[in-house]
Amino acid sequence: MTSSIVLDTCRAHFVMPEEFFDNKTRRGDVIACRVEAIARLRAAGFSKAGISRAMRRHYDSVRYWTNPDFRKDKIARMHKRNKKQADENERAGQ
């Protein structure tokens, strides 16, 4: 059942399964396909660990896309870190 959900999602997004499972592919259409597959697998009752195994992704990647609060917090942490880095670079350049 897992593979049929993934393959159906790939077909709907016109993404080859090789691209879907490739760890180096970061194109927007492939990411959108992965996100939809995660949502469909979760709706079908799969656990986050089961989804991560089926999709060959790290558990945190699945958690990131299934938990909006986690995603919001992570983005806020990244912005804070980037601002701190920019401030340090600005001070070092003066």
Protein backbone atom coordinates (compact mmCIF):
# COMPACT_ATOMS: atom_id res chain seq x y z
CA MET A 1 0.00 0.00 0.00
CA THR A 2 2.85 2.39 0.80
CA SER A 3 4.40 2.03 -2.63
CA SER A 4 1.07 2.58 -4.39
CA ILE A 5 0.52 5.86 -2.52
CA VAL A 6 4.03 7.03 -3.38
CA LEU A 7 3.72 5.97 -7.04
CA ASP A 8 0.28 7.57 -7.40
CA THR A 9 1.64 10.79 -5.93
CA CYS A 10 4.65 10.68 -8.27
CA ARG A 11 2.35 10.21 -11.27
CA ALA A 12 0.15 13.11 -10.17
CA HIS A 13 3.20 15.40 -9.93
CA PHE A 14 4.93 14.02 -13.05
CA VAL A 15 7.95 13.05 -10.94
CA MET A 16 9.97 9.93 -11.62
CA PRO A 17 10.30 7.57 -8.61
CA GLU A 18 14.09 7.76 -9.00
CA GLU A 19 13.94 11.52 -8.45
CA PHE A 20 11.50 11.08 -5.57
CA PHE A 21 13.88 8.81 -3.67
CA ASP A 22 17.10 10.63 -4.69
CA ASN A 23 18.60 12.39 -1.67
CA LYS A 24 20.27 15.04 -3.83
CA THR A 25 17.15 16.25 -5.65
CA ARG A 26 15.87 19.54 -4.21
CA ARG A 27 13.67 20.78 -7.06
CA GLY A 28 10.39 22.35 -6.01
CA ASP A 29 8.19 19.90 -7.89
CA VAL A 30 9.92 16.92 -6.28
CA ILE A 31 9.67 18.45 -2.81
CA ALA A 32 5.97 19.17 -3.37
CA CYS A 33 5.52 15.54 -4.38
CA ARG A 34 7.30 14.33 -1.23
CA VAL A 35 5.23 16.62 0.99
CA GLU A 36 1.99 15.38 -0.55
CA ALA A 37 3.12 11.75 -0.23
CA ILE A 38 3.90 12.32 3.46
CA ALA A 39 0.46 13.85 4.01
CA ARG A 40 -1.28 11.01 2.16
CA LEU A 41 0.64 8.32 4.05
CA ARG A 42 -0.13 10.02 7.36
CA ALA A 43 -3.83 10.23 6.43
CA ALA A 44 -3.71 6.52 5.60
CA GLY A 45 -2.65 5.85 9.19
CA PHE A 46 1.08 5.32 8.83
CA SER A 47 3.34 6.35 11.70
CA LYS A 48 6.04 8.96 11.17
CA ALA A 49 8.69 6.26 11.56
CA GLY A 50 6.93 4.08 8.98
CA ILE A 51 6.68 6.99 6.57
CA SER A 52 10.37 7.83 6.98
CA ARG A 53 11.34 4.22 6.22
CA ALA A 54 9.04 4.01 3.20
CA MET A 55 10.25 7.30 1.78
CA ARG A 56 13.92 6.73 2.67
CA ARG A 57 13.99 10.02 4.56
CA HIS A 58 15.20 10.92 8.02
CA TYR A 59 12.54 10.91 10.72
CA ASP A 60 13.04 14.66 11.31
CA SER A 61 12.19 15.39 7.68
CA VAL A 62 8.84 13.63 8.09
CA ARG A 63 8.28 15.35 11.44
CA TYR A 64 9.07 18.72 9.83
CA TRP A 65 6.38 18.28 7.17
CA THR A 66 3.71 16.78 9.44
CA ASN A 67 3.95 19.26 12.31
CA PRO A 68 3.31 22.94 11.45
CA ASP A 69 4.41 24.12 14.93
CA PHE A 70 7.74 22.29 14.61
CA ARG A 71 8.21 23.84 11.16
CA LYS A 72 7.36 27.34 12.45
CA ASP A 73 9.78 27.00 15.39
CA LYS A 74 12.57 25.70 13.18
CA ILE A 75 12.14 28.55 10.71
CA ALA A 76 12.19 31.08 13.57
CA ARG A 77 15.41 29.52 14.94
CA MET A 78 17.01 29.68 11.48
CA HIS A 79 16.09 33.35 11.06
CA LYS A 80 17.45 34.17 14.50
CA ARG A 81 20.70 32.32 13.77
CA ASN A 82 21.06 34.02 10.37
CA LYS A 83 20.46 37.46 11.89
CA LYS A 84 23.05 36.77 14.60
CA GLN A 85 25.54 35.62 11.95
CA ALA A 86 24.88 38.75 9.85
CA ASP A 87 25.35 40.98 12.89
CA GLU A 88 28.64 39.27 13.74
CA ASN A 89 29.83 39.61 10.13
CA GLU A 90 28.88 43.30 10.14
CA ARG A 91 30.79 43.93 13.37
CA ALA A 92 33.82 42.07 12.03
CA GLY A 93 33.79 44.16 8.85
CA GLN A 94 33.80 47.51 10.69
